[in-house]
Amino acid sequence: MNKISSFFKILIPGLLFSACIKNADNFTDFSTTKPVLEMKTAVIVANGSADYVNIAGLPNFGNAGLSAIPNYFPNDSISFLVNLASNEPLSKDLTLKVGVNPDLIATYNVSSTLQFELMPDSLYSWTGDQTVTIPAGERTVMVNGLSFNYDKFDPTKNYMLPIGVLDGDGITVSANMGAIYFHTIGNPMAGNYDHSWYRWNDAPDTTGPPNSTVSEHVTVAVPPIDATTLDLPEGYLTANSLPGVSMAFTNTAGVISDPYTFIGKSLQSALDGGGFTVATAPVLVGYTIVGDASTHYKGSTFRMYFEVINSTGGNRKTINVFTKL
């Protein structure tokens, strides 16, 4: 399954900023406070609606998960801004140093049950300037050139790469909004799987031979949604450029149990938008958990049944088999 979804979002930083800082969800009124430096990003969905997503700061921590970042930045190169939040622009240039701040990981881990480790430098590159200037009379400066080596990520690890203002040239850096917390959430069942799927068109059941649309023993990536939920690339959905089926499980000190499948919000929205109707929700008709964390549960198998009516009224029944490699 392609890690970059078929829809994408476009960076439009100019829409976030004006001469007056507004008091709204993604803005702060600094008219009565001292100047503060903060990180800013904004993206808008491709259909042109004003659906802004800010990935910067602790309040937007969830938006900075790297499973979603490629949706926002389809070219794999990430740009963001340093913003001077103040009542008036300054009359002098501000020379800033931007970079990775590992200390923020320790601070975050203190108050979180989910523990992160610093992302190795082999998993990202930064080709842009890390010393930047906000010119006198202006409020923002663009920082470019950050990219991630998604194919090298270990999907079982909790990585974090907090990037923020390291030196504000005498201006205070916002405690909540002074960094972007790029991160991945590890999942012990995530990784590569052997995938086979079989499809029946308008058949009463799946006892007869499947139709010609059959894919067997193809290696697919099964990414984590969170620490106990996976995104299964169901064959018929993938063939129609739709999101995958979600599969959750219980992890009790490394013992994996009680897996079940369901339709997540993004898939339901895509089905509705494409004129699909779910006849039978995705259900596991069999599964086997093999091994433990030391073997990465290699050999674990999940067999899933799914039935959907397409936009022309055709009935499509599928069986998908996922075996962890």
C-alpha atoms as a PDB file:
ATOM      1  CA  MET A   1       0.000   0.000   0.000  1.00  0.00           C
ATOM      2  CA  ASN A   2       1.320   3.367  -0.937  1.00  0.00           C
ATOM      3  CA  LYS A   3       2.208   5.318   2.166  1.00  0.00           C
ATOM      4  CA  ILE A   4       1.070   8.526   0.476  1.00  0.00           C
ATOM      5  CA  SER A   5      -2.700   8.586   0.083  1.00  0.00           C
ATOM      6  CA  SER A   6      -4.369   9.479  -3.173  1.00  0.00           C
ATOM      7  CA  PHE A   7      -5.581  12.806  -1.906  1.00  0.00           C
ATOM      8  CA  PHE A   8      -3.154  15.475  -0.785  1.00  0.00           C
ATOM      9  CA  LYS A   9      -2.959  18.776   0.947  1.00  0.00           C
ATOM     10  CA  ILE A  10      -1.088  21.896  -0.059  1.00  0.00           C
ATOM     11  CA  LEU A  11       1.036  24.141   2.100  1.00  0.00           C
ATOM     12  CA  ILE A  12      -0.315  27.707   2.119  1.00  0.00           C
ATOM     13  CA  PRO A  13       1.453  29.606   4.884  1.00  0.00           C
ATOM     14  CA  GLY A  14       0.388  32.994   3.625  1.00  0.00           C
ATOM     15  CA  LEU A  15      -3.192  32.383   4.661  1.00  0.00           C
ATOM     16  CA  LEU A  16      -2.215  32.045   8.293  1.00  0.00           C
ATOM     17  CA  PHE A  17      -0.655  35.368   8.835  1.00  0.00           C
ATOM     18  CA  SER A  18      -1.670  38.999   8.616  1.00  0.00           C
ATOM     19  CA  ALA A  19      -0.590  42.272  10.206  1.00  0.00           C
ATOM     20  CA  CYS A  20      -2.926  41.537  13.108  1.00  0.00           C
ATOM     21  CA  ILE A  21      -2.714  38.282  15.073  1.00  0.00           C
ATOM     22  CA  LYS A  22      -6.245  37.002  15.546  1.00  0.00           C
ATOM     23  CA  ASN A  23      -7.701  35.374  18.601  1.00  0.00           C
ATOM     24  CA  ALA A  24      -8.953  32.021  17.237  1.00  0.00           C
ATOM     25  CA  ASP A  25      -8.167  28.311  17.456  1.00  0.00           C
ATOM     26  CA  ASN A  26      -4.818  28.604  15.660  1.00  0.00           C
ATOM     27  CA  PHE A  27      -4.001  32.161  16.651  1.00  0.00           C
ATOM     28  CA  THR A  28      -3.126  34.027  19.796  1.00  0.00           C
ATOM     29  CA  ASP A  29      -3.719  37.657  20.686  1.00  0.00           C
ATOM     30  CA  PHE A  30      -0.339  39.031  21.735  1.00  0.00           C
ATOM     31  CA  SER A  31      -1.363  42.676  21.811  1.00  0.00           C
ATOM     32  CA  THR A  32      -0.775  42.982  25.554  1.00  0.00           C
ATOM     33  CA  THR A  33       2.245  40.686  25.911  1.00  0.00           C
ATOM     34  CA  LYS A  34       5.915  40.669  25.015  1.00  0.00           C
ATOM     35  CA  PRO A  35       6.952  39.283  21.604  1.00  0.00           C
ATOM     36  CA  VAL A  36       7.118  35.477  21.391  1.00  0.00           C
ATOM     37  CA  LEU A  37       8.498  33.187  18.713  1.00  0.00           C
ATOM     38  CA  GLU A  38       6.414  30.218  17.637  1.00  0.00           C
ATOM     39  CA  MET A  39       6.322  27.608  14.908  1.00  0.00           C
ATOM     40  CA  LYS A  40       3.526  27.715  12.339  1.00  0.00           C
ATOM     41  CA  THR A  41       2.275  25.545   9.500  1.00  0.00           C
ATOM     42  CA  ALA A  42      -0.956  25.519   7.564  1.00  0.00           C
ATOM     43  CA  VAL A  43      -2.330  23.161   4.958  1.00  0.00           C
ATOM     44  CA  ILE A  44      -5.580  23.159   3.047  1.00  0.00           C
ATOM     45  CA  VAL A  45      -7.359  20.186   1.485  1.00  0.00           C
ATOM     46  CA  ALA A  46      -7.108  19.882  -2.271  1.00  0.00           C
ATOM     47  CA  ASN A  47     -10.792  20.561  -2.922  1.00  0.00           C
ATOM     48  CA  GLY A  48     -10.214  24.175  -1.915  1.00  0.00           C
ATOM     49  CA  SER A  49     -12.248  24.249   1.270  1.00  0.00           C
ATOM     50  CA  ALA A  50     -10.871  26.321   4.140  1.00  0.00           C
ATOM     51  CA  ASP A  51      -9.874  23.306   6.239  1.00  0.00           C
ATOM     52  CA  TYR A  52      -6.665  24.372   7.962  1.00  0.00           C
ATOM     53  CA  VAL A  53      -4.406  21.929   9.755  1.00  0.00           C
ATOM     54  CA  ASN A  54      -1.618  23.205  11.988  1.00  0.00           C
ATOM     55  CA  ILE A  55       0.997  20.571  12.827  1.00  0.00           C
ATOM     56  CA  ALA A  56       3.040  22.840  15.108  1.00  0.00           C
ATOM     57  CA  GLY A  57       3.105  22.915  18.896  1.00  0.00           C
ATOM     58  CA  LEU A  58       1.964  20.664  21.711  1.00  0.00           C
ATOM     59  CA  PRO A  59      -1.741  21.436  21.096  1.00  0.00           C
ATOM     60  CA  ASN A  60      -1.336  19.990  17.590  1.00  0.00           C
ATOM     61  CA  PHE A  61       0.855  17.040  18.572  1.00  0.00           C
ATOM     62  CA  GLY A  62      -1.445  14.495  16.910  1.00  0.00           C
ATOM     63  CA  ASN A  63      -1.292  16.328  13.567  1.00  0.00           C
ATOM     64  CA  ALA A  64       2.498  15.899  13.475  1.00  0.00           C
ATOM     65  CA  GLY A  65       2.337  12.103  13.312  1.00  0.00           C
ATOM     66  CA  LEU A  66       4.410  10.944  10.362  1.00  0.00           C
ATOM     67  CA  SER A  67       1.748   8.520   9.164  1.00  0.00           C
ATOM     68  CA  ALA A  68      -0.281  11.585   8.141  1.00  0.00           C
ATOM     69  CA  ILE A  69       2.437  14.070   7.175  1.00  0.00           C
ATOM     70  CA  PRO A  70       2.762  12.808   3.558  1.00  0.00           C
ATOM     71  CA  ASN A  71      -0.902  13.721   3.053  1.00  0.00           C
ATOM     72  CA  TYR A  72      -0.033  17.329   3.849  1.00  0.00           C
ATOM     73  CA  PHE A  73       3.275  17.518   1.974  1.00  0.00           C
ATOM     74  CA  PRO A  74       2.977  15.238  -1.075  1.00  0.00           C
ATOM     75  CA  ASN A  75       6.447  16.050  -2.402  1.00  0.00           C
ATOM     76  CA  ASP A  76       8.110  14.600   0.724  1.00  0.00           C
ATOM     77  CA  SER A  77       9.756  17.960   1.431  1.00  0.00           C
ATOM     78  CA  ILE A  78       8.389  19.797   4.441  1.00  0.00           C
ATOM     79  CA  SER A  79       8.368  23.561   4.890  1.00  0.00           C
ATOM     80  CA  PHE A  80       7.336  25.449   7.993  1.00  0.00           C
ATOM     81  CA  LEU A  81       7.496  28.941   9.408  1.00  0.00           C
ATOM     82  CA  VAL A  82       8.874  30.703  12.437  1.00  0.00           C
ATOM     83  CA  ASN A  83       6.384  33.390  13.423  1.00  0.00           C
ATOM     84  CA  LEU A  84       6.956  36.489  15.537  1.00  0.00           C
ATOM     85  CA  ALA A  85       3.786  36.767  17.623  1.00  0.00           C
ATOM     86  CA  SER A  86       3.618  40.380  18.762  1.00  0.00           C
ATOM     87  CA  ASN A  87       1.449  43.451  18.614  1.00  0.00           C
ATOM     88  CA  GLU A  88       3.802  45.147  16.154  1.00  0.00           C
ATOM     89  CA  PRO A  89       6.673  43.876  13.972  1.00  0.00           C
ATOM     90  CA  LEU A  90      10.144  44.692  15.267  1.00  0.00           C
ATOM     91  CA  SER A  91      12.302  47.459  13.842  1.00  0.00           C
ATOM     92  CA  LYS A  92      15.378  45.214  13.654  1.00  0.00           C
ATOM     93  CA  ASP A  93      16.294  41.945  11.978  1.00  0.00           C
ATOM     94  CA  LEU A  94      16.010  38.774  14.050  1.00  0.00           C
ATOM     95  CA  THR A  95      18.617  36.111  13.328  1.00  0.00           C
ATOM     96  CA  LEU A  96      17.333  32.751  14.548  1.00  0.00           C
ATOM     97  CA  LYS A  97      18.773  29.273  14.882  1.00  0.00           C
ATOM     98  CA  VAL A  98      16.335  26.452  14.177  1.00  0.00           C
ATOM     99  CA  GLY A  99      17.131  22.793  14.804  1.00  0.00           C
ATOM    100  CA  VAL A 100      16.445  19.531  16.583  1.00  0.00           C
ATOM    101  CA  ASN A 101      15.848  19.919  20.335  1.00  0.00           C
ATOM    102  CA  PRO A 102      16.262  16.477  21.990  1.00  0.00           C
ATOM    103  CA  ASP A 103      15.517  17.940  25.449  1.00  0.00           C
ATOM    104  CA  LEU A 104      11.863  18.254  24.445  1.00  0.00           C
ATOM    105  CA  ILE A 105      11.590  14.461  24.240  1.00  0.00           C
ATOM    106  CA  ALA A 106      12.544  14.017  27.893  1.00  0.00           C
ATOM    107  CA  THR A 107      10.111  16.762  28.887  1.00  0.00           C
ATOM    108  CA  TYR A 108       7.310  15.136  26.914  1.00  0.00           C
ATOM    109  CA  ASN A 109       8.043  11.637  28.264  1.00  0.00           C
ATOM    110  CA  VAL A 110       7.710  12.799  31.872  1.00  0.00           C
ATOM    111  CA  SER A 111       3.991  13.432  31.475  1.00  0.00           C
ATOM    112  CA  SER A 112       3.133  10.749  28.897  1.00  0.00           C
ATOM    113  CA  THR A 113       2.543   7.024  29.191  1.00  0.00           C
ATOM    114  CA  LEU A 114       3.737   6.714  25.599  1.00  0.00           C
ATOM    115  CA  GLN A 115       7.538   6.991  25.627  1.00  0.00           C
ATOM    116  CA  PHE A 116       9.529   8.264  22.648  1.00  0.00           C
ATOM    117  CA  GLU A 117      13.171   8.027  21.597  1.00  0.00           C
ATOM    118  CA  LEU A 118      15.127  10.461  19.434  1.00  0.00           C
ATOM    119  CA  MET A 119      14.796   9.710  15.760  1.00  0.00           C
ATOM    120  CA  PRO A 120      18.160   8.568  14.296  1.00  0.00           C
ATOM    121  CA  ASP A 121      19.623  10.953  11.732  1.00  0.00           C
ATOM    122  CA  SER A 122      19.523   8.131   9.158  1.00  0.00           C
ATOM    123  CA  LEU A 123      15.748   8.529   9.034  1.00  0.00           C
ATOM    124  CA  TYR A 124      15.642  12.149   7.913  1.00  0.00           C
ATOM    125  CA  SER A 125      17.609  14.801   6.055  1.00  0.00           C
ATOM    126  CA  TRP A 126      17.632  18.555   6.294  1.00  0.00           C
ATOM    127  CA  THR A 127      19.120  20.380   3.333  1.00  0.00           C
ATOM    128  CA  GLY A 128      17.803  23.873   4.067  1.00  0.00           C
ATOM    129  CA  ASP A 129      19.360  26.652   6.119  1.00  0.00           C
ATOM    130  CA  GLN A 130      18.964  26.292   9.876  1.00  0.00           C
ATOM    131  CA  THR A 131      20.065  29.862  10.551  1.00  0.00           C
ATOM    132  CA  VAL A 132      17.320  32.150   9.266  1.00  0.00           C
ATOM    133  CA  THR A 133      16.329  35.795   9.552  1.00  0.00           C
ATOM    134  CA  ILE A 134      13.027  37.566  10.127  1.00  0.00           C
ATOM    135  CA  PRO A 135      13.665  40.949   8.500  1.00  0.00           C
ATOM    136  CA  ALA A 136      12.799  44.171  10.301  1.00  0.00           C
ATOM    137  CA  GLY A 137       9.164  45.038   9.854  1.00  0.00           C
ATOM    138  CA  GLU A 138       8.161  41.460   9.083  1.00  0.00           C
ATOM    139  CA  ARG A 139       6.833  38.620  11.188  1.00  0.00           C
ATOM    140  CA  THR A 140       7.729  35.303   9.536  1.00  0.00           C
ATOM    141  CA  VAL A 141      10.511  33.379   7.888  1.00  0.00           C
ATOM    142  CA  MET A 142      10.169  30.143   5.930  1.00  0.00           C
ATOM    143  CA  VAL A 143      12.311  27.115   6.801  1.00  0.00           C
ATOM    144  CA  ASN A 144      12.728  24.546   4.022  1.00  0.00           C
ATOM    145  CA  GLY A 145      14.366  21.266   3.123  1.00  0.00           C
ATOM    146  CA  LEU A 146      13.250  18.777   5.776  1.00  0.00           C
ATOM    147  CA  SER A 147      12.391  15.303   4.511  1.00  0.00           C
ATOM    148  CA  PHE A 148      11.958  11.855   6.016  1.00  0.00           C
ATOM    149  CA  ASN A 149      13.150   8.461   4.811  1.00  0.00           C
ATOM    150  CA  TYR A 150       9.799   6.774   5.379  1.00  0.00           C
ATOM    151  CA  ASP A 151      10.891   3.446   3.895  1.00  0.00           C
ATOM    152  CA  LYS A 152      13.572   3.035   6.587  1.00  0.00           C
ATOM    153  CA  PHE A 153      11.287   3.509   9.595  1.00  0.00           C
ATOM    154  CA  ASP A 154      10.959   0.671  12.069  1.00  0.00           C
ATOM    155  CA  PRO A 155       7.156   0.578  12.480  1.00  0.00           C
ATOM    156  CA  THR A 156       7.471  -0.884  15.978  1.00  0.00           C
ATOM    157  CA  LYS A 157       9.415   2.105  17.385  1.00  0.00           C
ATOM    158  CA  ASN A 158       8.172   5.354  18.953  1.00  0.00           C
ATOM    159  CA  TYR A 159      10.393   7.975  17.336  1.00  0.00           C
ATOM    160  CA  MET A 160      10.264  11.726  17.884  1.00  0.00           C
ATOM    161  CA  LEU A 161      12.029  14.561  16.082  1.00  0.00           C
ATOM    162  CA  PRO A 162      11.160  17.831  17.862  1.00  0.00           C
ATOM    163  CA  ILE A 163      12.242  20.769  15.710  1.00  0.00           C
ATOM    164  CA  GLY A 164      12.051  24.281  17.047  1.00  0.00           C
ATOM    165  CA  VAL A 165      13.765  27.591  17.684  1.00  0.00           C
ATOM    166  CA  LEU A 166      17.043  26.942  19.528  1.00  0.00           C
ATOM    167  CA  ASP A 167      18.177  30.585  19.652  1.00  0.00           C
ATOM    168  CA  GLY A 168      15.591  33.377  19.400  1.00  0.00           C
ATOM    169  CA  ASP A 169      18.062  36.306  19.245  1.00  0.00           C
ATOM    170  CA  GLY A 170      16.788  37.584  22.576  1.00  0.00           C
ATOM    171  CA  ILE A 171      13.090  36.868  21.935  1.00  0.00           C
ATOM    172  CA  THR A 172      11.285  34.343  24.138  1.00  0.00           C
ATOM    173  CA  VAL A 173      10.354  31.032  22.497  1.00  0.00           C
ATOM    174  CA  SER A 174       6.787  29.846  23.153  1.00  0.00           C
ATOM    175  CA  ALA A 175       6.643  26.882  25.526  1.00  0.00           C
ATOM    176  CA  ASN A 176       3.607  25.358  23.807  1.00  0.00           C
ATOM    177  CA  MET A 177       4.108  26.455  20.213  1.00  0.00           C
ATOM    178  CA  GLY A 178       7.898  26.729  19.912  1.00  0.00           C
ATOM    179  CA  ALA A 179       8.451  23.352  18.229  1.00  0.00           C
ATOM    180  CA  ILE A 180       6.964  20.826  15.825  1.00  0.00           C
ATOM    181  CA  TYR A 181       6.861  17.353  17.370  1.00  0.00           C
ATOM    182  CA  PHE A 182       7.344  15.098  14.364  1.00  0.00           C
ATOM    183  CA  HIS A 183       6.828  11.540  15.580  1.00  0.00           C
ATOM    184  CA  THR A 184       5.923   7.949  14.835  1.00  0.00           C
ATOM    185  CA  ILE A 185       3.936   5.682  17.135  1.00  0.00           C
ATOM    186  CA  GLY A 186       5.235   2.121  17.188  1.00  0.00           C
ATOM    187  CA  ASN A 187       2.966  -0.879  16.904  1.00  0.00           C
ATOM    188  CA  PRO A 188       4.283  -4.425  17.506  1.00  0.00           C
ATOM    189  CA  MET A 189       2.070  -5.877  14.758  1.00  0.00           C
ATOM    190  CA  ALA A 190       2.969  -3.279  12.120  1.00  0.00           C
ATOM    191  CA  GLY A 191       5.353  -4.143   9.303  1.00  0.00           C
ATOM    192  CA  ASN A 192       5.404  -6.127   6.087  1.00  0.00           C
ATOM    193  CA  TYR A 193       2.833  -8.832   5.424  1.00  0.00           C
ATOM    194  CA  ASP A 194       2.282 -11.460   2.775  1.00  0.00           C
ATOM    195  CA  HIS A 195      -1.122 -10.553   1.326  1.00  0.00           C
ATOM    196  CA  SER A 196      -3.554 -12.563  -0.768  1.00  0.00           C
ATOM    197  CA  TRP A 197      -7.084 -11.509  -1.639  1.00  0.00           C
ATOM    198  CA  TYR A 198      -9.946 -13.059  -3.531  1.00  0.00           C
ATOM    199  CA  ARG A 199     -13.054 -11.461  -5.016  1.00  0.00           C
ATOM    200  CA  TRP A 200     -16.497 -12.744  -5.926  1.00  0.00           C
ATOM    201  CA  ASN A 201     -18.771 -10.641  -8.180  1.00  0.00           C
ATOM    202  CA  ASP A 202     -22.516 -10.884  -7.543  1.00  0.00           C
ATOM    203  CA  ALA A 203     -22.131 -14.403  -6.181  1.00  0.00           C
ATOM    204  CA  PRO A 204     -24.468 -15.736  -3.458  1.00  0.00           C
ATOM    205  CA  ASP A 205     -21.514 -16.793  -1.323  1.00  0.00           C
ATOM    206  CA  THR A 206     -17.782 -17.519  -1.488  1.00  0.00           C
ATOM    207  CA  THR A 207     -17.993 -21.304  -1.855  1.00  0.00           C
ATOM    208  CA  GLY A 208     -17.421 -21.190  -5.604  1.00  0.00           C
ATOM    209  CA  PRO A 209     -14.190 -20.162  -7.345  1.00  0.00           C
ATOM    210  CA  PRO A 210     -13.390 -16.460  -7.162  1.00  0.00           C
ATOM    211  CA  ASN A 211     -13.455 -14.173 -10.180  1.00  0.00           C
ATOM    212  CA  SER A 212     -10.363 -13.265 -12.137  1.00  0.00           C
ATOM    213  CA  THR A 213      -9.418 -10.355  -9.877  1.00  0.00           C
ATOM    214  CA  VAL A 214      -7.115 -12.288  -7.547  1.00  0.00           C
ATOM    215  CA  SER A 215      -3.798 -11.241  -6.059  1.00  0.00           C
ATOM    216  CA  GLU A 216      -1.755 -13.822  -4.191  1.00  0.00           C
ATOM    217  CA  HIS A 217       1.351 -13.607  -2.014  1.00  0.00           C
ATOM    218  CA  VAL A 218       2.192  -9.966  -2.564  1.00  0.00           C
ATOM    219  CA  THR A 219       4.271  -8.192   0.087  1.00  0.00           C
ATOM    220  CA  VAL A 220       2.430  -5.149   1.453  1.00  0.00           C
ATOM    221  CA  ALA A 221       3.193  -2.643   4.201  1.00  0.00           C
ATOM    222  CA  VAL A 222       0.709  -2.650   7.079  1.00  0.00           C
ATOM    223  CA  PRO A 223       1.284   0.667   8.905  1.00  0.00           C
ATOM    224  CA  PRO A 224       0.228   1.558  12.444  1.00  0.00           C
ATOM    225  CA  ILE A 225      -2.651   3.915  13.115  1.00  0.00           C
ATOM    226  CA  ASP A 226      -1.773   3.960  16.792  1.00  0.00           C
ATOM    227  CA  ALA A 227      -0.079   1.612  19.271  1.00  0.00           C
ATOM    228  CA  THR A 228      -2.825  -1.031  19.033  1.00  0.00           C
ATOM    229  CA  THR A 229      -4.476  -0.348  15.665  1.00  0.00           C
ATOM    230  CA  LEU A 230      -3.324  -1.229  12.149  1.00  0.00           C
ATOM    231  CA  ASP A 231      -4.339  -0.059   8.680  1.00  0.00           C
ATOM    232  CA  LEU A 232      -5.014  -3.193   6.589  1.00  0.00           C
ATOM    233  CA  PRO A 233      -4.821  -2.572   2.803  1.00  0.00           C
ATOM    234  CA  GLU A 234      -7.916  -4.593   1.855  1.00  0.00           C
ATOM    235  CA  GLY A 235      -7.537  -5.652  -1.784  1.00  0.00           C
ATOM    236  CA  TYR A 236     -10.769  -4.372  -3.319  1.00  0.00           C
ATOM    237  CA  LEU A 237     -10.530  -1.063  -1.476  1.00  0.00           C
ATOM    238  CA  THR A 238      -6.908  -0.585  -2.530  1.00  0.00           C
ATOM    239  CA  ALA A 239      -7.825  -1.383  -6.149  1.00  0.00           C
ATOM    240  CA  ASN A 240     -10.353   1.455  -5.944  1.00  0.00           C
ATOM    241  CA  SER A 241      -7.893   3.894  -4.311  1.00  0.00           C
ATOM    242  CA  LEU A 242      -9.765   3.800  -0.999  1.00  0.00           C
ATOM    243  CA  PRO A 243      -8.307   3.764   2.543  1.00  0.00           C
ATOM    244  CA  GLY A 244      -7.775   0.481   4.322  1.00  0.00           C
ATOM    245  CA  VAL A 245      -9.721  -1.373   6.992  1.00  0.00           C
ATOM    246  CA  SER A 246      -8.732  -0.750  10.615  1.00  0.00           C
ATOM    247  CA  MET A 247      -7.748  -3.672  12.842  1.00  0.00           C
ATOM    248  CA  ALA A 248      -7.370  -3.213  16.592  1.00  0.00           C
ATOM    249  CA  PHE A 249      -6.064  -5.613  19.206  1.00  0.00           C
ATOM    250  CA  THR A 250      -5.210  -5.881  22.888  1.00  0.00           C
ATOM    251  CA  ASN A 251      -1.558  -5.870  23.960  1.00  0.00           C
ATOM    252  CA  THR A 252      -1.065  -7.146  27.495  1.00  0.00           C
ATOM    253  CA  ALA A 253       2.648  -6.973  28.293  1.00  0.00           C
ATOM    254  CA  GLY A 254       3.475  -8.313  24.849  1.00  0.00           C
ATOM    255  CA  VAL A 255       0.647 -10.833  24.644  1.00  0.00           C
ATOM    256  CA  ILE A 256      -1.474  -9.955  21.600  1.00  0.00           C
ATOM    257  CA  SER A 257      -5.134 -10.936  21.789  1.00  0.00           C
ATOM    258  CA  ASP A 258      -8.702 -10.129  20.730  1.00  0.00           C
ATOM    259  CA  PRO A 259      -8.080  -8.631  17.269  1.00  0.00           C
ATOM    260  CA  TYR A 260     -11.075  -7.194  15.461  1.00  0.00           C
ATOM    261  CA  THR A 261     -11.667  -5.166  12.317  1.00  0.00           C
ATOM    262  CA  PHE A 262     -13.813  -2.097  11.742  1.00  0.00           C
ATOM    263  CA  ILE A 263     -14.399   0.768   9.330  1.00  0.00           C
ATOM    264  CA  GLY A 264     -12.628   3.925  10.444  1.00  0.00           C
ATOM    265  CA  LYS A 265     -13.852   7.449   9.832  1.00  0.00           C
ATOM    266  CA  SER A 266     -11.636   8.109   6.804  1.00  0.00           C
ATOM    267  CA  LEU A 267     -12.726   4.887   5.098  1.00  0.00           C
ATOM    268  CA  GLN A 268     -16.399   5.500   5.851  1.00  0.00           C
ATOM    269  CA  SER A 269     -16.134   8.993   4.406  1.00  0.00           C
ATOM    270  CA  ALA A 270     -14.436   7.647   1.272  1.00  0.00           C
ATOM    271  CA  LEU A 271     -17.045   4.902   0.843  1.00  0.00           C
ATOM    272  CA  ASP A 272     -19.881   7.410   1.183  1.00  0.00           C
ATOM    273  CA  GLY A 273     -18.222   9.782  -1.258  1.00  0.00           C
ATOM    274  CA  GLY A 274     -17.681   7.010  -3.818  1.00  0.00           C
ATOM    275  CA  GLY A 275     -21.213   5.680  -3.685  1.00  0.00           C
ATOM    276  CA  PHE A 276     -20.280   2.405  -1.958  1.00  0.00           C
ATOM    277  CA  THR A 277     -22.575   0.677   0.538  1.00  0.00           C
ATOM    278  CA  VAL A 278     -21.291  -1.806   3.094  1.00  0.00           C
ATOM    279  CA  ALA A 279     -23.322  -5.002   2.950  1.00  0.00           C
ATOM    280  CA  THR A 280     -21.252  -6.865   5.545  1.00  0.00           C
ATOM    281  CA  ALA A 281     -18.748  -4.996   7.691  1.00  0.00           C
ATOM    282  CA  PRO A 282     -15.194  -6.349   7.607  1.00  0.00           C
ATOM    283  CA  VAL A 283     -14.884  -9.241  10.047  1.00  0.00           C
ATOM    284  CA  LEU A 284     -12.078 -11.607  10.996  1.00  0.00           C
ATOM    285  CA  VAL A 285     -13.185 -15.124  10.159  1.00  0.00           C
ATOM    286  CA  GLY A 286      -9.963 -16.541  11.554  1.00  0.00           C
ATOM    287  CA  TYR A 287      -6.641 -15.523  13.020  1.00  0.00           C
ATOM    288  CA  THR A 288      -3.528 -17.002  14.597  1.00  0.00           C
ATOM    289  CA  ILE A 289      -1.022 -15.061  16.728  1.00  0.00           C
ATOM    290  CA  VAL A 290       2.462 -16.531  16.465  1.00  0.00           C
ATOM    291  CA  GLY A 291       5.545 -15.776  18.562  1.00  0.00           C
ATOM    292  CA  ASP A 292       6.182 -12.710  20.685  1.00  0.00           C
ATOM    293  CA  ALA A 293       7.885  -9.330  20.608  1.00  0.00           C
ATOM    294  CA  SER A 294      11.317 -10.940  20.170  1.00  0.00           C
ATOM    295  CA  THR A 295      10.182 -12.556  16.893  1.00  0.00           C
ATOM    296  CA  HIS A 296       8.033  -9.558  15.892  1.00  0.00           C
ATOM    297  CA  TYR A 297       5.088 -11.985  15.809  1.00  0.00           C
ATOM    298  CA  LYS A 298       6.325 -13.333  12.479  1.00  0.00           C
ATOM    299  CA  GLY A 299       3.882 -15.846  11.000  1.00  0.00           C
ATOM    300  CA  SER A 300       0.774 -14.362  12.611  1.00  0.00           C
ATOM    301  CA  THR A 301      -2.152 -14.633  10.191  1.00  0.00           C
ATOM    302  CA  PHE A 302      -5.434 -12.733   9.841  1.00  0.00           C
ATOM    303  CA  ARG A 303      -8.238 -13.836   7.500  1.00  0.00           C
ATOM    304  CA  MET A 304     -10.895 -11.190   6.825  1.00  0.00           C
ATOM    305  CA  TYR A 305     -14.266 -11.245   5.019  1.00  0.00           C
ATOM    306  CA  PHE A 306     -15.827  -8.075   3.573  1.00  0.00           C
ATOM    307  CA  GLU A 307     -18.875  -7.404   1.392  1.00  0.00           C
ATOM    308  CA  VAL A 308     -19.649  -4.122  -0.345  1.00  0.00           C
ATOM    309  CA  ILE A 309     -22.094  -2.823  -2.964  1.00  0.00           C
ATOM    310  CA  ASN A 310     -20.417  -0.544  -5.492  1.00  0.00           C
ATOM    311  CA  SER A 311     -21.874   2.570  -7.099  1.00  0.00           C
ATOM    312  CA  THR A 312     -23.412   0.576  -9.981  1.00  0.00           C
ATOM    313  CA  GLY A 313     -25.149  -1.861  -7.636  1.00  0.00           C
ATOM    314  CA  GLY A 314     -22.634  -4.669  -8.060  1.00  0.00           C
ATOM    315  CA  ASN A 315     -22.060  -6.945  -5.077  1.00  0.00           C
ATOM    316  CA  ARG A 316     -18.414  -7.568  -4.234  1.00  0.00           C
ATOM    317  CA  LYS A 317     -17.412 -10.152  -1.652  1.00  0.00           C
ATOM    318  CA  THR A 318     -13.760 -10.430  -0.686  1.00  0.00           C
ATOM    319  CA  ILE A 319     -11.542 -12.581   1.476  1.00  0.00           C
ATOM    320  CA  ASN A 320      -8.172 -11.138   2.460  1.00  0.00           C
ATOM    321  CA  VAL A 321      -5.387 -13.112   4.111  1.00  0.00           C
ATOM    322  CA  PHE A 322      -2.503 -11.262   5.827  1.00  0.00           C
ATOM    323  CA  THR A 323       0.531 -13.166   7.154  1.00  0.00           C
ATOM    324  CA  LYS A 324       3.251 -11.235   8.997  1.00  0.00           C
ATOM    325  CA  LEU A 325       6.724 -11.524   7.481  1.00  0.00           C
END
